[in-house]
Amino acid sequence: MIDEKRIDDVYRRLYEEAEASGYHLNPEVTFTKSLIEGLLTNEDRYGYWSCPCRIAEGDKAYDLDIICPCDYRDPDLDEYGACYCALYVSQEILEGKQQAQPVPERRPDVPPQLAKQGAASVAAEEGSVPVWRCRVCGYLCARENPPGVCPVCKAKKDRFERFGFGRAS
């Protein structure tokens, strides 16, 4: 059992970090704190915050893609309005303009022989992803779509331009 004070401290920190970066925690505080308890349990168990809604292997290299915030958070937010475990939600869900819906698992099955390389290495072999540049501050990120808000200067998604292509990671 995780100490309530520890959960509350992490909740406050995550909330502040999320809001400062243009993200939002699920407004159902009791539910969100239960997810945080899962993150902390996994941290105690494995030494890192693996997603509380997925089964971790206990091998950080293998689980790197599901360490919170996971590699699938932004595509899930873009397409479904919430991440897989619903810790993070979109502005529309936060404001009640959109209903939360089930989010299918995006994590690919990684063949056992590639487990030590990590799931991210498999993605890198499959090709490249667009690189987006914030036209305000120059921040660069390689992902399918630009972030909703620039984590550096807080410019909105429409201030990003496609800059080129990078290796998937």
Protein backbone atom coordinates (compact mmCIF):
# COMPACT_ATOMS: atom_id res chain seq x y z
CA MET A 1 0.00 0.00 0.00
CA ILE A 2 1.39 3.38 -1.03
CA ASP A 3 1.32 6.25 1.47
CA GLU A 4 -1.46 8.79 0.69
CA LYS A 5 0.91 11.72 1.21
CA ARG A 6 3.24 10.31 -1.44
CA ILE A 7 0.31 9.93 -3.86
CA ASP A 8 -0.89 13.48 -3.13
CA ASP A 9 2.62 14.90 -3.62
CA VAL A 10 3.01 13.16 -6.98
CA TYR A 11 -0.51 14.21 -8.02
CA ARG A 12 0.29 17.88 -7.34
CA ARG A 13 3.62 17.66 -9.17
CA LEU A 14 2.14 15.85 -12.19
CA TYR A 15 -0.79 18.26 -12.34
CA GLU A 16 1.52 21.30 -12.36
CA GLU A 17 3.87 19.75 -14.92
CA ALA A 18 1.02 18.67 -17.18
CA GLU A 19 -0.69 22.06 -17.17
CA ALA A 20 2.60 23.89 -17.72
CA SER A 21 3.29 21.66 -20.74
CA GLY A 22 -0.15 21.91 -22.36
CA TYR A 23 -1.42 18.57 -21.08
CA HIS A 24 -4.23 17.78 -18.64
CA LEU A 25 -4.65 15.10 -16.01
CA ASN A 26 -7.95 13.28 -15.85
CA PRO A 27 -10.30 15.51 -13.82
CA GLU A 28 -11.67 12.52 -11.87
CA VAL A 29 -9.23 12.98 -8.98
CA THR A 30 -9.95 9.67 -7.21
CA PHE A 31 -9.42 7.74 -10.44
CA THR A 32 -6.28 9.74 -11.27
CA LYS A 33 -4.82 9.12 -7.83
CA SER A 34 -5.46 5.38 -8.26
CA LEU A 35 -3.39 5.51 -11.47
CA ILE A 36 -0.66 7.40 -9.62
CA GLU A 37 -0.71 4.71 -6.95
CA GLY A 38 -0.14 2.18 -9.76
CA LEU A 39 2.78 4.23 -11.10
CA LEU A 40 4.34 4.37 -7.64
CA THR A 41 3.78 0.65 -7.09
CA ASN A 42 5.57 -0.04 -10.37
CA GLU A 43 8.35 2.35 -9.37
CA ASP A 44 8.83 0.43 -6.11
CA ARG A 45 8.68 -2.87 -7.99
CA TYR A 46 10.81 -2.06 -11.06
CA GLY A 47 12.55 1.23 -10.35
CA TYR A 48 10.59 3.15 -13.00
CA TRP A 49 7.05 4.35 -13.68
CA SER A 50 5.76 1.76 -16.11
CA CYS A 51 2.17 2.34 -17.21
CA PRO A 52 -0.20 1.04 -14.53
CA CYS A 53 -2.55 -0.36 -17.18
CA ARG A 54 0.01 -2.52 -18.98
CA ILE A 55 2.05 -5.51 -17.95
CA ALA A 56 5.69 -4.54 -17.59
CA GLU A 57 8.52 -7.00 -18.10
CA GLY A 58 10.72 -5.50 -15.40
CA ASP A 59 13.42 -4.87 -18.00
CA LYS A 60 13.74 -1.12 -18.45
CA ALA A 61 15.11 -1.40 -22.01
CA TYR A 62 12.13 -3.54 -22.99
CA ASP A 63 9.61 -1.35 -21.14
CA LEU A 64 11.05 2.00 -22.21
CA ASP A 65 8.06 2.74 -24.47
CA ILE A 66 5.57 2.29 -21.60
CA ILE A 67 7.34 4.40 -18.99
CA CYS A 68 4.93 7.21 -18.13
CA PRO A 69 4.35 9.38 -20.03
CA CYS A 70 4.49 6.56 -22.56
CA ASP A 71 5.37 6.83 -26.24
CA TYR A 72 1.69 6.34 -27.11
CA ARG A 73 0.25 9.20 -25.04
CA ASP A 74 0.25 11.86 -27.74
CA PRO A 75 -1.15 9.71 -30.58
CA ASP A 76 -3.84 8.44 -28.19
CA LEU A 77 -4.71 12.00 -27.11
CA ASP A 78 -4.85 13.13 -30.74
CA GLU A 79 -7.09 10.27 -31.86
CA TYR A 80 -9.15 9.36 -28.77
CA GLY A 81 -8.89 12.33 -26.42
CA ALA A 82 -7.19 10.30 -23.69
CA CYS A 83 -4.15 8.12 -23.25
CA TYR A 84 -4.51 4.35 -22.87
CA CYS A 85 -4.85 4.43 -19.07
CA ALA A 86 -6.72 7.79 -19.15
CA LEU A 87 -4.23 9.55 -16.87
CA TYR A 88 -3.97 12.29 -19.51
CA VAL A 89 -7.00 13.70 -21.30
CA SER A 90 -7.60 16.29 -24.01
CA GLN A 91 -8.90 19.79 -23.47
CA GLU A 92 -12.22 18.69 -24.99
CA ILE A 93 -12.68 15.90 -22.45
CA LEU A 94 -11.55 18.19 -19.63
CA GLU A 95 -14.22 20.74 -20.63
CA GLY A 96 -16.91 18.06 -21.10
CA LYS A 97 -17.18 18.71 -24.86
CA GLN A 98 -16.11 15.15 -25.68
CA GLN A 99 -16.84 11.86 -23.96
CA ALA A 100 -13.98 9.55 -23.07
CA GLN A 101 -13.94 6.42 -25.17
CA PRO A 102 -11.99 3.16 -25.06
CA VAL A 103 -8.46 3.47 -26.38
CA PRO A 104 -7.09 0.40 -28.15
CA GLU A 105 -3.62 -0.85 -27.28
CA ARG A 106 -0.99 0.58 -29.64
CA ARG A 107 2.00 -1.18 -28.17
CA PRO A 108 3.28 -3.70 -30.70
CA ASP A 109 4.19 -7.23 -29.77
CA VAL A 110 7.95 -7.28 -29.59
CA PRO A 111 9.59 -10.55 -30.56
CA PRO A 112 11.51 -12.08 -27.64
CA GLN A 113 14.80 -11.93 -29.56
CA LEU A 114 14.43 -8.12 -29.79
CA ALA A 115 13.36 -7.63 -26.16
CA LYS A 116 16.82 -6.54 -25.00
CA GLN A 117 16.94 -3.86 -27.71
CA GLY A 118 13.63 -2.38 -26.54
CA ALA A 119 10.44 -1.77 -28.45
CA ALA A 120 11.68 1.64 -29.56
CA SER A 121 14.46 -0.01 -31.58
CA VAL A 122 11.89 -2.02 -33.52
CA ALA A 123 10.05 1.17 -34.44
CA ALA A 124 13.31 2.80 -35.57
CA GLU A 125 13.87 -0.01 -38.06
CA GLU A 126 10.44 0.54 -39.60
CA GLY A 127 11.15 3.99 -41.01
CA SER A 128 11.05 7.64 -40.23
CA VAL A 129 8.62 10.13 -38.73
CA PRO A 130 8.04 13.80 -39.46
CA VAL A 131 10.02 16.39 -37.53
CA TRP A 132 7.98 19.40 -36.41
CA ARG A 133 9.43 22.83 -35.60
CA CYS A 134 7.79 25.43 -33.44
CA ARG A 135 7.91 28.62 -35.48
CA VAL A 136 7.94 30.68 -32.29
CA CYS A 137 10.90 29.22 -30.36
CA GLY A 138 12.45 26.62 -32.68
CA TYR A 139 11.63 23.57 -30.53
CA LEU A 140 11.95 20.36 -32.59
CA CYS A 141 10.14 17.06 -32.09
CA ALA A 142 9.94 13.90 -34.18
CA ARG A 143 6.45 12.38 -34.13
CA GLU A 144 3.46 11.77 -36.38
CA ASN A 145 1.72 15.06 -35.47
CA PRO A 146 2.88 18.25 -33.75
CA PRO A 147 2.15 18.58 -30.02
CA GLY A 148 -1.00 20.43 -28.98
CA VAL A 149 1.13 22.98 -27.14
CA CYS A 150 4.85 23.65 -27.40
CA PRO A 151 6.48 22.44 -24.17
CA VAL A 152 8.99 25.30 -24.33
CA CYS A 153 7.07 28.46 -25.26
CA LYS A 154 3.44 27.23 -24.99
CA ALA A 155 2.59 28.13 -28.60
CA LYS A 156 -0.45 26.27 -29.95
CA LYS A 157 -0.34 23.35 -32.40
CA ASP A 158 -1.00 25.59 -35.40
CA ARG A 159 2.33 27.38 -34.83
CA PHE A 160 4.28 24.21 -35.78
CA GLU A 161 5.55 23.49 -39.27
CA ARG A 162 6.86 20.29 -40.79
CA PHE A 163 10.64 20.56 -40.71
CA GLY A 164 11.74 17.27 -42.25
CA PHE A 165 11.96 13.62 -41.31
CA GLY A 166 13.82 11.87 -38.54
CA ARG A 167 14.35 8.29 -37.46
CA ALA A 168 11.55 6.84 -35.39
CA SER A 169 12.54 6.26 -31.78
